[in-house]
Amino acid sequence: MMVMLGFGVLIARVTLAPDNISLRKLGSIVSGVGLLLLLFSGFGLFAKVCGNQFYGWVIVKMVIWVIFGALTVVINRCPKYSMVLFRLTIVLAATAAFMAISKPMF
């Protein structure tokens, strides 16, 4: 939730008030803290469910986490793609949720 909220703040800043630095900082901080919480909780889930084996769904979730980290920079640097990136965040979040719930073994 915090990551999506942070991206929402960044996209709102890009579209409504591009010169507002405080909103940029707020969005970056909120999404960064959310990504850190996702990292800790993701490794906790990994240790509980998988033990020492890397399944495909774990790798997919790690790739999504790295993409989320890069999206903070891309949203700030390429404001003309903000709505496309917002839709991408929704798709990535849905994919990550599907992977966490169903845990496909591929």
C-alpha atoms as a PDB file:
ATOM      1  CA  MET A   1       0.000   0.000   0.000  1.00  0.00           C
ATOM      2  CA  MET A   2       2.777   2.432   0.864  1.00  0.00           C
ATOM      3  CA  VAL A   3       4.532   1.858  -2.444  1.00  0.00           C
ATOM      4  CA  MET A   4       1.370   2.512  -4.425  1.00  0.00           C
ATOM      5  CA  LEU A   5       0.630   5.584  -2.274  1.00  0.00           C
ATOM      6  CA  GLY A   6       4.137   6.901  -2.919  1.00  0.00           C
ATOM      7  CA  PHE A   7       3.790   6.366  -6.654  1.00  0.00           C
ATOM      8  CA  GLY A   8       0.393   8.068  -6.546  1.00  0.00           C
ATOM      9  CA  VAL A   9       1.921  11.118  -4.859  1.00  0.00           C
ATOM     10  CA  LEU A  10       4.728  11.231  -7.423  1.00  0.00           C
ATOM     11  CA  ILE A  11       2.341  10.947 -10.360  1.00  0.00           C
ATOM     12  CA  ALA A  12       0.023  13.581  -8.875  1.00  0.00           C
ATOM     13  CA  ARG A  13       3.008  15.893  -8.468  1.00  0.00           C
ATOM     14  CA  VAL A  14       4.117  15.308 -12.055  1.00  0.00           C
ATOM     15  CA  THR A  15       0.673  16.017 -13.483  1.00  0.00           C
ATOM     16  CA  LEU A  16      -0.592  18.770 -11.159  1.00  0.00           C
ATOM     17  CA  ALA A  17       2.399  20.564  -9.636  1.00  0.00           C
ATOM     18  CA  PRO A  18       5.650  19.686 -11.411  1.00  0.00           C
ATOM     19  CA  ASP A  19       7.652  22.322  -9.526  1.00  0.00           C
ATOM     20  CA  ASN A  20       6.626  21.179  -6.037  1.00  0.00           C
ATOM     21  CA  ILE A  21       9.773  19.730  -4.474  1.00  0.00           C
ATOM     22  CA  SER A  22       8.143  18.827  -1.150  1.00  0.00           C
ATOM     23  CA  LEU A  23       5.686  16.474  -2.876  1.00  0.00           C
ATOM     24  CA  ARG A  24       8.577  14.897  -4.738  1.00  0.00           C
ATOM     25  CA  LYS A  25      10.389  14.244  -1.466  1.00  0.00           C
ATOM     26  CA  LEU A  26       7.227  12.926   0.195  1.00  0.00           C
ATOM     27  CA  GLY A  27       6.492  10.529  -2.644  1.00  0.00           C
ATOM     28  CA  SER A  28      10.065   9.297  -2.767  1.00  0.00           C
ATOM     29  CA  ILE A  29      10.226   8.773   1.003  1.00  0.00           C
ATOM     30  CA  VAL A  30       6.893   6.964   1.208  1.00  0.00           C
ATOM     31  CA  SER A  31       7.665   4.671  -1.721  1.00  0.00           C
ATOM     32  CA  GLY A  32      11.180   4.024  -0.370  1.00  0.00           C
ATOM     33  CA  VAL A  33       9.906   3.067   3.086  1.00  0.00           C
ATOM     34  CA  GLY A  34       7.256   0.894   1.452  1.00  0.00           C
ATOM     35  CA  LEU A  35       9.888  -0.859  -0.664  1.00  0.00           C
ATOM     36  CA  LEU A  36      11.997  -1.468   2.434  1.00  0.00           C
ATOM     37  CA  LEU A  37       9.007  -2.988   4.234  1.00  0.00           C
ATOM     38  CA  LEU A  38       8.278  -5.126   1.181  1.00  0.00           C
ATOM     39  CA  LEU A  39      11.864  -6.352   1.196  1.00  0.00           C
ATOM     40  CA  PHE A  40      11.734  -7.395   4.849  1.00  0.00           C
ATOM     41  CA  SER A  41       8.309  -9.011   4.644  1.00  0.00           C
ATOM     42  CA  GLY A  42       9.182 -10.723   1.360  1.00  0.00           C
ATOM     43  CA  PHE A  43      12.269 -12.362   2.798  1.00  0.00           C
ATOM     44  CA  GLY A  44      10.259 -13.366   5.869  1.00  0.00           C
ATOM     45  CA  LEU A  45       7.686 -15.052   3.629  1.00  0.00           C
ATOM     46  CA  PHE A  46      10.470 -16.646   1.627  1.00  0.00           C
ATOM     47  CA  ALA A  47      12.123 -18.096   4.756  1.00  0.00           C
ATOM     48  CA  LYS A  48       8.819 -19.388   6.101  1.00  0.00           C
ATOM     49  CA  VAL A  49       7.500 -20.971   2.920  1.00  0.00           C
ATOM     50  CA  CYS A  50      10.515 -21.939   0.821  1.00  0.00           C
ATOM     51  CA  GLY A  51      13.391 -22.632   3.145  1.00  0.00           C
ATOM     52  CA  ASN A  52      16.495 -22.650   0.930  1.00  0.00           C
ATOM     53  CA  GLN A  53      14.884 -23.297  -2.479  1.00  0.00           C
ATOM     54  CA  PHE A  54      14.346 -20.551  -5.026  1.00  0.00           C
ATOM     55  CA  TYR A  55      11.068 -21.089  -6.806  1.00  0.00           C
ATOM     56  CA  GLY A  56      10.000 -19.200  -9.907  1.00  0.00           C
ATOM     57  CA  TRP A  57       7.451 -17.088  -8.081  1.00  0.00           C
ATOM     58  CA  VAL A  58      10.153 -15.814  -5.701  1.00  0.00           C
ATOM     59  CA  ILE A  59      12.321 -14.687  -8.599  1.00  0.00           C
ATOM     60  CA  VAL A  60       9.326 -12.971 -10.242  1.00  0.00           C
ATOM     61  CA  LYS A  61       8.591 -11.090  -7.017  1.00  0.00           C
ATOM     62  CA  MET A  62      12.234 -10.022  -6.696  1.00  0.00           C
ATOM     63  CA  VAL A  63      12.229  -8.694 -10.262  1.00  0.00           C
ATOM     64  CA  ILE A  64       9.006  -6.795  -9.560  1.00  0.00           C
ATOM     65  CA  TRP A  65      10.600  -5.306  -6.431  1.00  0.00           C
ATOM     66  CA  VAL A  66      13.588  -4.066  -8.475  1.00  0.00           C
ATOM     67  CA  ILE A  67      11.244  -2.596 -11.109  1.00  0.00           C
ATOM     68  CA  PHE A  68       9.301  -0.793  -8.375  1.00  0.00           C
ATOM     69  CA  GLY A  69      12.561   0.687  -7.124  1.00  0.00           C
ATOM     70  CA  ALA A  70      13.432   1.936 -10.607  1.00  0.00           C
ATOM     71  CA  LEU A  71       9.954   3.366 -11.202  1.00  0.00           C
ATOM     72  CA  THR A  72      10.500   6.060  -8.586  1.00  0.00           C
ATOM     73  CA  VAL A  73      13.322   7.490 -10.668  1.00  0.00           C
ATOM     74  CA  VAL A  74      11.562   7.001 -14.001  1.00  0.00           C
ATOM     75  CA  ILE A  75       8.385   8.764 -12.817  1.00  0.00           C
ATOM     76  CA  ASN A  76      10.421  11.781 -11.698  1.00  0.00           C
ATOM     77  CA  ARG A  77      12.589  11.954 -14.822  1.00  0.00           C
ATOM     78  CA  CYS A  78      10.012  11.154 -17.533  1.00  0.00           C
ATOM     79  CA  PRO A  79       6.794  12.938 -16.551  1.00  0.00           C
ATOM     80  CA  LYS A  80       5.205  12.488 -19.975  1.00  0.00           C
ATOM     81  CA  TYR A  81       4.959   8.715 -19.347  1.00  0.00           C
ATOM     82  CA  SER A  82       3.431   9.068 -15.889  1.00  0.00           C
ATOM     83  CA  MET A  83       0.012   7.581 -16.691  1.00  0.00           C
ATOM     84  CA  VAL A  84       1.536   4.630 -18.547  1.00  0.00           C
ATOM     85  CA  LEU A  85       3.841   4.025 -15.585  1.00  0.00           C
ATOM     86  CA  PHE A  86       0.898   4.252 -13.181  1.00  0.00           C
ATOM     87  CA  ARG A  87      -0.909   1.543 -15.132  1.00  0.00           C
ATOM     88  CA  LEU A  88       2.289  -0.499 -15.098  1.00  0.00           C
ATOM     89  CA  THR A  89       2.469  -0.236 -11.308  1.00  0.00           C
ATOM     90  CA  ILE A  90      -1.081  -1.552 -11.021  1.00  0.00           C
ATOM     91  CA  VAL A  91      -0.277  -4.513 -13.280  1.00  0.00           C
ATOM     92  CA  LEU A  92       2.944  -5.246 -11.387  1.00  0.00           C
ATOM     93  CA  ALA A  93       1.212  -5.029  -8.011  1.00  0.00           C
ATOM     94  CA  ALA A  94      -1.521  -7.408  -9.203  1.00  0.00           C
ATOM     95  CA  THR A  95       1.114  -9.812 -10.534  1.00  0.00           C
ATOM     96  CA  ALA A  96       3.034  -9.699  -7.244  1.00  0.00           C
ATOM     97  CA  ALA A  97      -0.159 -10.336  -5.283  1.00  0.00           C
ATOM     98  CA  PHE A  98      -1.049 -13.270  -7.539  1.00  0.00           C
ATOM     99  CA  MET A  99       2.428 -14.747  -7.088  1.00  0.00           C
ATOM    100  CA  ALA A 100       2.253 -14.391  -3.301  1.00  0.00           C
ATOM    101  CA  ILE A 101      -1.208 -15.938  -3.034  1.00  0.00           C
ATOM    102  CA  SER A 102      -1.010 -18.794  -5.528  1.00  0.00           C
ATOM    103  CA  LYS A 103       2.765 -19.541  -5.305  1.00  0.00           C
ATOM    104  CA  PRO A 104       3.034 -21.309  -8.669  1.00  0.00           C
ATOM    105  CA  MET A 105       5.893 -23.798  -8.719  1.00  0.00           C
ATOM    106  CA  PHE A 106       7.614 -23.212 -12.050  1.00  0.00           C
END
